[in-house]
Amino acid sequence: MSTKSRAESEERDPADFEYDFRGGVRGQYYGRTTASGITVRIDPDVAQVFPNADAVNAALRRLIQQPRERAREKPR
């Protein structure tokens, strides 16, 4: 019978050697993210077009306004 524990006998994840989280603070940025709005992930090709969140928000606001402006232009 082996004297090694189950954790000792399993191979260690290579990330265990790359990152040291001992000085980390859990949830350090959580409040900042939730206070500013929702967080979404965009694809890298889209991210290259927009330098920051303000540019993304401006483009989305223009997109939102387009159908409203077109609706005002159409005669009934």
PDB file of N, CA and C in Angstrom:
ATOM      1  N   MET A   1       0.843  -1.189   0.000  1.00  0.00           N
ATOM      2  CA  MET A   1       0.000   0.000   0.000  1.00  0.00           C
ATOM      3  C   MET A   1       0.879   1.240   0.000  1.00  0.00           C
ATOM      4  N   SER A   2       0.528   2.196  -0.823  1.00  0.00           N
ATOM      5  CA  SER A   2       1.325   3.408  -0.970  1.00  0.00           C
ATOM      6  C   SER A   2       1.023   4.387   0.153  1.00  0.00           C
ATOM      7  N   THR A   3       2.033   5.140   0.571  1.00  0.00           N
ATOM      8  CA  THR A   3       1.832   6.141   1.621  1.00  0.00           C
ATOM      9  C   THR A   3       1.507   7.507   1.048  1.00  0.00           C
ATOM     10  N   LYS A   4       1.585   7.644  -0.284  1.00  0.00           N
ATOM     11  CA  LYS A   4       1.258   8.924  -0.912  1.00  0.00           C
ATOM     12  C   LYS A   4      -0.246   9.143  -0.895  1.00  0.00           C
ATOM     13  N   SER A   5      -0.653  10.401  -0.691  1.00  0.00           N
ATOM     14  CA  SER A   5      -2.075  10.723  -0.745  1.00  0.00           C
ATOM     15  C   SER A   5      -2.520  10.761  -2.201  1.00  0.00           C
ATOM     16  N   ARG A   6      -3.798  10.798  -2.398  1.00  0.00           N
ATOM     17  CA  ARG A   6      -4.353  10.833  -3.753  1.00  0.00           C
ATOM     18  C   ARG A   6      -3.863  12.068  -4.495  1.00  0.00           C
ATOM     19  N   ALA A   7      -3.850  13.218  -3.846  1.00  0.00           N
ATOM     20  CA  ALA A   7      -3.411  14.458  -4.479  1.00  0.00           C
ATOM     21  C   ALA A   7      -1.939  14.388  -4.866  1.00  0.00           C
ATOM     22  N   GLU A   8      -1.118  13.764  -4.047  1.00  0.00           N
ATOM     23  CA  GLU A   8       0.309  13.657  -4.340  1.00  0.00           C
ATOM     24  C   GLU A   8       0.575  12.707  -5.493  1.00  0.00           C
ATOM     25  N   SER A   9      -0.246  11.696  -5.633  1.00  0.00           N
ATOM     26  CA  SER A   9      -0.008  10.712  -6.669  1.00  0.00           C
ATOM     27  C   SER A   9      -0.468  11.189  -8.044  1.00  0.00           C
ATOM     28  N   GLU A  10      -1.403  12.137  -8.098  1.00  0.00           N
ATOM     29  CA  GLU A  10      -1.872  12.662  -9.378  1.00  0.00           C
ATOM     30  C   GLU A  10      -0.861  13.666  -9.919  1.00  0.00           C
ATOM     31  N   GLU A  11      -0.774  13.747 -11.243  1.00  0.00           N
ATOM     32  CA  GLU A  11       0.120  14.718 -11.842  1.00  0.00           C
ATOM     33  C   GLU A  11      -0.413  16.119 -11.589  1.00  0.00           C
ATOM     34  N   ARG A  12       0.501  17.047 -11.385  1.00  0.00           N
ATOM     35  CA  ARG A  12       0.096  18.430 -11.135  1.00  0.00           C
ATOM     36  C   ARG A  12      -0.159  19.142 -12.454  1.00  0.00           C
ATOM     37  N   ASP A  13      -1.080  20.052 -12.433  1.00  0.00           N
ATOM     38  CA  ASP A  13      -1.405  20.873 -13.594  1.00  0.00           C
ATOM     39  C   ASP A  13      -0.236  21.815 -13.858  1.00  0.00           C
ATOM     40  N   PRO A  14       0.209  21.964 -15.104  1.00  0.00           N
ATOM     41  CA  PRO A  14       1.322  22.878 -15.391  1.00  0.00           C
ATOM     42  C   PRO A  14       1.036  24.313 -14.958  1.00  0.00           C
ATOM     43  N   ALA A  15      -0.228  24.707 -14.925  1.00  0.00           N
ATOM     44  CA  ALA A  15      -0.575  26.065 -14.504  1.00  0.00           C
ATOM     45  C   ALA A  15      -0.222  26.296 -13.037  1.00  0.00           C
ATOM     46  N   ASP A  16      -0.156  25.225 -12.239  1.00  0.00           N
ATOM     47  CA  ASP A  16       0.213  25.373 -10.830  1.00  0.00           C
ATOM     48  C   ASP A  16       1.593  25.999 -10.685  1.00  0.00           C
ATOM     49  N   PHE A  17       2.441  25.793 -11.660  1.00  0.00           N
ATOM     50  CA  PHE A  17       3.799  26.307 -11.592  1.00  0.00           C
ATOM     51  C   PHE A  17       3.924  27.692 -12.219  1.00  0.00           C
ATOM     52  N   GLU A  18       2.947  28.114 -12.980  1.00  0.00           N
ATOM     53  CA  GLU A  18       3.017  29.380 -13.702  1.00  0.00           C
ATOM     54  C   GLU A  18       2.383  30.542 -12.944  1.00  0.00           C
ATOM     55  N   TYR A  19       1.403  30.282 -12.129  1.00  0.00           N
ATOM     56  CA  TYR A  19       0.650  31.340 -11.476  1.00  0.00           C
ATOM     57  C   TYR A  19       0.714  31.191  -9.966  1.00  0.00           C
ATOM     58  N   ASP A  20       0.878  32.300  -9.294  1.00  0.00           N
ATOM     59  CA  ASP A  20       0.897  32.303  -7.834  1.00  0.00           C
ATOM     60  C   ASP A  20      -0.205  33.247  -7.363  1.00  0.00           C
ATOM     61  N   PHE A  21      -1.283  32.691  -6.857  1.00  0.00           N
ATOM     62  CA  PHE A  21      -2.430  33.487  -6.428  1.00  0.00           C
ATOM     63  C   PHE A  21      -2.447  33.738  -4.918  1.00  0.00           C
ATOM     64  N   ARG A  22      -1.358  33.440  -4.249  1.00  0.00           N
ATOM     65  CA  ARG A  22      -1.351  33.584  -2.791  1.00  0.00           C
ATOM     66  C   ARG A  22      -1.611  35.017  -2.338  1.00  0.00           C
ATOM     67  N   GLY A  23      -1.213  36.017  -3.117  1.00  0.00           N
ATOM     68  CA  GLY A  23      -1.427  37.407  -2.726  1.00  0.00           C
ATOM     69  C   GLY A  23      -2.686  38.003  -3.320  1.00  0.00           C
ATOM     70  N   GLY A  24      -3.483  37.178  -4.012  1.00  0.00           N
ATOM     71  CA  GLY A  24      -4.676  37.673  -4.684  1.00  0.00           C
ATOM     72  C   GLY A  24      -5.805  38.003  -3.722  1.00  0.00           C
ATOM     73  N   VAL A  25      -6.687  38.857  -4.187  1.00  0.00           N
ATOM     74  CA  VAL A  25      -7.862  39.249  -3.407  1.00  0.00           C
ATOM     75  C   VAL A  25      -9.092  38.787  -4.180  1.00  0.00           C
ATOM     76  N   ARG A  26      -9.880  37.928  -3.570  1.00  0.00           N
ATOM     77  CA  ARG A  26     -11.066  37.391  -4.232  1.00  0.00           C
ATOM     78  C   ARG A  26     -12.109  38.488  -4.417  1.00  0.00           C
ATOM     79  N   GLY A  27     -12.616  38.619  -5.647  1.00  0.00           N
ATOM     80  CA  GLY A  27     -13.672  39.586  -5.936  1.00  0.00           C
ATOM     81  C   GLY A  27     -13.213  41.031  -5.948  1.00  0.00           C
ATOM     82  N   GLN A  28     -11.930  41.272  -6.123  1.00  0.00           N
ATOM     83  CA  GLN A  28     -11.390  42.633  -6.053  1.00  0.00           C
ATOM     84  C   GLN A  28     -12.057  43.578  -7.056  1.00  0.00           C
ATOM     85  N   TYR A  29     -12.355  43.116  -8.246  1.00  0.00           N
ATOM     86  CA  TYR A  29     -12.919  43.979  -9.287  1.00  0.00           C
ATOM     87  C   TYR A  29     -14.393  43.718  -9.543  1.00  0.00           C
ATOM     88  N   TYR A  30     -15.003  42.873  -8.762  1.00  0.00           N
ATOM     89  CA  TYR A  30     -16.400  42.509  -8.987  1.00  0.00           C
ATOM     90  C   TYR A  30     -17.321  43.725  -8.921  1.00  0.00           C
ATOM     91  N   GLY A  31     -17.186  44.529  -7.917  1.00  0.00           N
ATOM     92  CA  GLY A  31     -18.061  45.691  -7.748  1.00  0.00           C
ATOM     93  C   GLY A  31     -17.937  46.683  -8.882  1.00  0.00           C
ATOM     94  N   ARG A  32     -16.738  46.879  -9.375  1.00  0.00           N
ATOM     95  CA  ARG A  32     -16.520  47.821 -10.464  1.00  0.00           C
ATOM     96  C   ARG A  32     -17.241  47.356 -11.723  1.00  0.00           C
ATOM     97  N   THR A  33     -17.202  46.078 -11.990  1.00  0.00           N
ATOM     98  CA  THR A  33     -17.844  45.544 -13.183  1.00  0.00           C
ATOM     99  C   THR A  33     -19.352  45.647 -13.085  1.00  0.00           C
ATOM    100  N   THR A  34     -19.923  45.278 -11.974  1.00  0.00           N
ATOM    101  CA  THR A  34     -21.378  45.299 -11.855  1.00  0.00           C
ATOM    102  C   THR A  34     -21.911  46.719 -11.757  1.00  0.00           C
ATOM    103  N   ALA A  35     -21.144  47.642 -11.212  1.00  0.00           N
ATOM    104  CA  ALA A  35     -21.606  49.029 -11.098  1.00  0.00           C
ATOM    105  C   ALA A  35     -21.637  49.719 -12.449  1.00  0.00           C
ATOM    106  N   SER A  36     -20.778  49.312 -13.371  1.00  0.00           N
ATOM    107  CA  SER A  36     -20.682  49.997 -14.655  1.00  0.00           C
ATOM    108  C   SER A  36     -21.636  49.447 -15.703  1.00  0.00           C
ATOM    109  N   GLY A  37     -22.274  48.357 -15.464  1.00  0.00           N
ATOM    110  CA  GLY A  37     -23.185  47.766 -16.432  1.00  0.00           C
ATOM    111  C   GLY A  37     -22.843  46.314 -16.668  1.00  0.00           C
ATOM    112  N   ILE A  38     -23.369  45.788 -17.746  1.00  0.00           N
ATOM    113  CA  ILE A  38     -23.114  44.385 -18.044  1.00  0.00           C
ATOM    114  C   ILE A  38     -21.778  44.226 -18.759  1.00  0.00           C
ATOM    115  N   THR A  39     -21.242  43.040 -18.712  1.00  0.00           N
ATOM    116  CA  THR A  39     -20.013  42.731 -19.413  1.00  0.00           C
ATOM    117  C   THR A  39     -20.334  41.727 -20.505  1.00  0.00           C
ATOM    118  N   VAL A  40     -19.863  42.017 -21.708  1.00  0.00           N
ATOM    119  CA  VAL A  40     -20.061  41.098 -22.826  1.00  0.00           C
ATOM    120  C   VAL A  40     -18.718  40.792 -23.459  1.00  0.00           C
ATOM    121  N   ARG A  41     -18.653  39.673 -24.121  1.00  0.00           N
ATOM    122  CA  ARG A  41     -17.433  39.308 -24.820  1.00  0.00           C
ATOM    123  C   ARG A  41     -17.673  39.465 -26.313  1.00  0.00           C
ATOM    124  N   ILE A  42     -16.751  40.157 -26.979  1.00  0.00           N
ATOM    125  CA  ILE A  42     -16.863  40.321 -28.422  1.00  0.00           C
ATOM    126  C   ILE A  42     -15.696  39.603 -29.089  1.00  0.00           C
ATOM    127  N   ASP A  43     -15.887  39.223 -30.318  1.00  0.00           N
ATOM    128  CA  ASP A  43     -14.850  38.516 -31.061  1.00  0.00           C
ATOM    129  C   ASP A  43     -13.670  39.443 -31.355  1.00  0.00           C
ATOM    130  N   PRO A  44     -12.482  38.872 -31.475  1.00  0.00           N
ATOM    131  CA  PRO A  44     -11.279  39.686 -31.693  1.00  0.00           C
ATOM    132  C   PRO A  44     -11.350  40.589 -32.920  1.00  0.00           C
ATOM    133  N   ASP A  45     -11.954  40.113 -34.023  1.00  0.00           N
ATOM    134  CA  ASP A  45     -12.030  40.953 -35.219  1.00  0.00           C
ATOM    135  C   ASP A  45     -12.912  42.178 -34.989  1.00  0.00           C
ATOM    136  N   VAL A  46     -13.934  42.040 -34.183  1.00  0.00           N
ATOM    137  CA  VAL A  46     -14.795  43.174 -33.852  1.00  0.00           C
ATOM    138  C   VAL A  46     -14.065  44.114 -32.893  1.00  0.00           C
ATOM    139  N   ALA A  47     -13.343  43.558 -31.954  1.00  0.00           N
ATOM    140  CA  ALA A  47     -12.613  44.366 -30.978  1.00  0.00           C
ATOM    141  C   ALA A  47     -11.560  45.254 -31.643  1.00  0.00           C
ATOM    142  N   GLN A  48     -11.010  44.813 -32.771  1.00  0.00           N
ATOM    143  CA  GLN A  48     -10.012  45.621 -33.471  1.00  0.00           C
ATOM    144  C   GLN A  48     -10.604  46.911 -34.018  1.00  0.00           C
ATOM    145  N   VAL A  49     -11.897  46.924 -34.283  1.00  0.00           N
ATOM    146  CA  VAL A  49     -12.548  48.099 -34.857  1.00  0.00           C
ATOM    147  C   VAL A  49     -12.842  49.151 -33.786  1.00  0.00           C
ATOM    148  N   PHE A  50     -13.080  48.713 -32.562  1.00  0.00           N
ATOM    149  CA  PHE A  50     -13.477  49.620 -31.492  1.00  0.00           C
ATOM    150  C   PHE A  50     -12.363  49.743 -30.465  1.00  0.00           C
ATOM    151  N   PRO A  51     -11.827  50.953 -30.257  1.00  0.00           N
ATOM    152  CA  PRO A  51     -10.707  51.118 -29.335  1.00  0.00           C
ATOM    153  C   PRO A  51     -11.084  51.011 -27.863  1.00  0.00           C
ATOM    154  N   ASN A  52     -12.364  51.254 -27.529  1.00  0.00           N
ATOM    155  CA  ASN A  52     -12.764  51.223 -26.122  1.00  0.00           C
ATOM    156  C   ASN A  52     -14.279  51.063 -26.002  1.00  0.00           C
ATOM    157  N   ALA A  53     -14.753  50.989 -24.773  1.00  0.00           N
ATOM    158  CA  ALA A  53     -16.180  50.780 -24.513  1.00  0.00           C
ATOM    159  C   ALA A  53     -17.028  51.947 -25.010  1.00  0.00           C
ATOM    160  N   ASP A  54     -16.507  53.165 -24.939  1.00  0.00           N
ATOM    161  CA  ASP A  54     -17.269  54.329 -25.424  1.00  0.00           C
ATOM    162  C   ASP A  54     -17.571  54.208 -26.920  1.00  0.00           C
ATOM    163  N   ALA A  55     -16.592  53.736 -27.685  1.00  0.00           N
ATOM    164  CA  ALA A  55     -16.790  53.576 -29.128  1.00  0.00           C
ATOM    165  C   ALA A  55     -17.834  52.500 -29.417  1.00  0.00           C
ATOM    166  N   VAL A  56     -17.812  51.425 -28.661  1.00  0.00           N
ATOM    167  CA  VAL A  56     -18.809  50.366 -28.831  1.00  0.00           C
ATOM    168  C   VAL A  56     -20.198  50.903 -28.504  1.00  0.00           C
ATOM    169  N   ASN A  57     -20.322  51.614 -27.404  1.00  0.00           N
ATOM    170  CA  ASN A  57     -21.620  52.151 -27.006  1.00  0.00           C
ATOM    171  C   ASN A  57     -22.143  53.164 -28.023  1.00  0.00           C
ATOM    172  N   ALA A  58     -21.278  54.006 -28.564  1.00  0.00           N
ATOM    173  CA  ALA A  58     -21.700  54.987 -29.571  1.00  0.00           C
ATOM    174  C   ALA A  58     -22.222  54.279 -30.819  1.00  0.00           C
ATOM    175  N   ALA A  59     -21.534  53.230 -31.261  1.00  0.00           N
ATOM    176  CA  ALA A  59     -21.974  52.488 -32.441  1.00  0.00           C
ATOM    177  C   ALA A  59     -23.311  51.795 -32.187  1.00  0.00           C
ATOM    178  N   LEU A  60     -23.471  51.230 -31.029  1.00  0.00           N
ATOM    179  CA  LEU A  60     -24.741  50.562 -30.707  1.00  0.00           C
ATOM    180  C   LEU A  60     -25.884  51.562 -30.620  1.00  0.00           C
ATOM    181  N   ARG A  61     -25.622  52.735 -30.074  1.00  0.00           N
ATOM    182  CA  ARG A  61     -26.679  53.761 -30.005  1.00  0.00           C
ATOM    183  C   ARG A  61     -27.094  54.216 -31.404  1.00  0.00           C
ATOM    184  N   ARG A  62     -26.122  54.366 -32.319  1.00  0.00           N
ATOM    185  CA  ARG A  62     -26.464  54.723 -33.704  1.00  0.00           C
ATOM    186  C   ARG A  62     -27.300  53.618 -34.346  1.00  0.00           C
ATOM    187  N   LEU A  63     -26.943  52.378 -34.088  1.00  0.00           N
ATOM    188  CA  LEU A  63     -27.686  51.248 -34.631  1.00  0.00           C
ATOM    189  C   LEU A  63     -29.117  51.226 -34.095  1.00  0.00           C
ATOM    190  N   ILE A  64     -29.278  51.536 -32.832  1.00  0.00           N
ATOM    191  CA  ILE A  64     -30.612  51.565 -32.217  1.00  0.00           C
ATOM    192  C   ILE A  64     -31.466  52.654 -32.844  1.00  0.00           C
ATOM    193  N   GLN A  65     -30.869  53.795 -33.148  1.00  0.00           N
ATOM    194  CA  GLN A  65     -31.623  54.925 -33.692  1.00  0.00           C
ATOM    195  C   GLN A  65     -32.044  54.727 -35.145  1.00  0.00           C
ATOM    196  N   GLN A  66     -31.347  53.930 -35.924  1.00  0.00           N
ATOM    197  CA  GLN A  66     -31.652  53.769 -37.345  1.00  0.00           C
ATOM    198  C   GLN A  66     -33.087  53.318 -37.609  1.00  0.00           C
ATOM    199  N   PRO A  67     -33.583  52.270 -36.993  1.00  0.00           N
ATOM    200  CA  PRO A  67     -34.975  51.867 -37.272  1.00  0.00           C
ATOM    201  C   PRO A  67     -35.978  52.941 -36.863  1.00  0.00           C
ATOM    202  N   ARG A  68     -35.697  53.649 -35.812  1.00  0.00           N
ATOM    203  CA  ARG A  68     -36.615  54.706 -35.357  1.00  0.00           C
ATOM    204  C   ARG A  68     -36.664  55.839 -36.372  1.00  0.00           C
ATOM    205  N   GLU A  69     -35.496  56.210 -36.914  1.00  0.00           N
ATOM    206  CA  GLU A  69     -35.453  57.284 -37.902  1.00  0.00           C
ATOM    207  C   GLU A  69     -36.138  56.859 -39.192  1.00  0.00           C
ATOM    208  N   ARG A  70     -35.933  55.620 -39.616  1.00  0.00           N
ATOM    209  CA  ARG A  70     -36.574  55.111 -40.823  1.00  0.00           C
ATOM    210  C   ARG A  70     -38.090  55.044 -40.651  1.00  0.00           C
ATOM    211  N   ALA A  71     -38.542  54.696 -39.467  1.00  0.00           N
ATOM    212  CA  ALA A  71     -39.970  54.614 -39.209  1.00  0.00           C
ATOM    213  C   ALA A  71     -40.607  55.985 -39.319  1.00  0.00           C
ATOM    214  N   ARG A  72     -39.914  57.044 -38.922  1.00  0.00           N
ATOM    215  CA  ARG A  72     -40.440  58.405 -39.023  1.00  0.00           C
ATOM    216  C   ARG A  72     -40.492  58.869 -40.471  1.00  0.00           C
ATOM    217  N   GLU A  73     -39.589  58.365 -41.326  1.00  0.00           N
ATOM    218  CA  GLU A  73     -39.520  58.781 -42.713  1.00  0.00           C
ATOM    219  C   GLU A  73     -40.604  58.150 -43.573  1.00  0.00           C
ATOM    220  N   LYS A  74     -41.061  56.951 -43.245  1.00  0.00           N
ATOM    221  CA  LYS A  74     -42.029  56.237 -44.063  1.00  0.00           C
ATOM    222  C   LYS A  74     -43.404  56.900 -43.959  1.00  0.00           C
ATOM    223  N   PRO A  75     -44.017  57.167 -45.098  1.00  0.00           N
ATOM    224  CA  PRO A  75     -45.396  57.725 -45.054  1.00  0.00           C
ATOM    225  C   PRO A  75     -46.394  56.627 -44.679  1.00  0.00           C
ATOM    226  N   ARG A  76     -47.437  57.005 -44.040  1.00  0.00           N
ATOM    227  CA  ARG A  76     -48.459  56.038 -43.627  1.00  0.00           C
ATOM    228  C   ARG A  76     -49.636  56.066 -44.531  1.00  0.00           C
TER     229      ARG A  76
END
